[in-house]
């Protein structure tokens, strides 16, 4: 009986402690804030392979433009992204992220600034 109780308690402890071994991940929803010559906040979804491919709308000079932000985050957190408008690359994002936040620089269509990000989920 004592042996069964010890096995039961050990099993419960192992099962409940497994969560501390879960690897954090960069995948999920992020908030991306562009700051500088143009300012806007976007939602950016990072896939399990740490790639992203997000459509968005920007408003410049009273007109709306469809853009696409694509790119990749490497295992060390370095981020490289491209910004497309009307099917052509018009800019890029570079920087660094960790499991909670990130920051870097952006440049597009003669404009530029910094970006910050925070993980939402």
Foldseek 3Di string as FASTA:
>chain_A
DVVVVVVVVVVVVVVVPCVVVDDQAQFAWKWKWFDWPDTDIDIWGQDRQQWTWDWDWDADPNDIWIKIKTWGADPQFWTKIFIDTPRDTFKIWTWGDDSFKIKGKIDGPHIIDMMMMGHDD
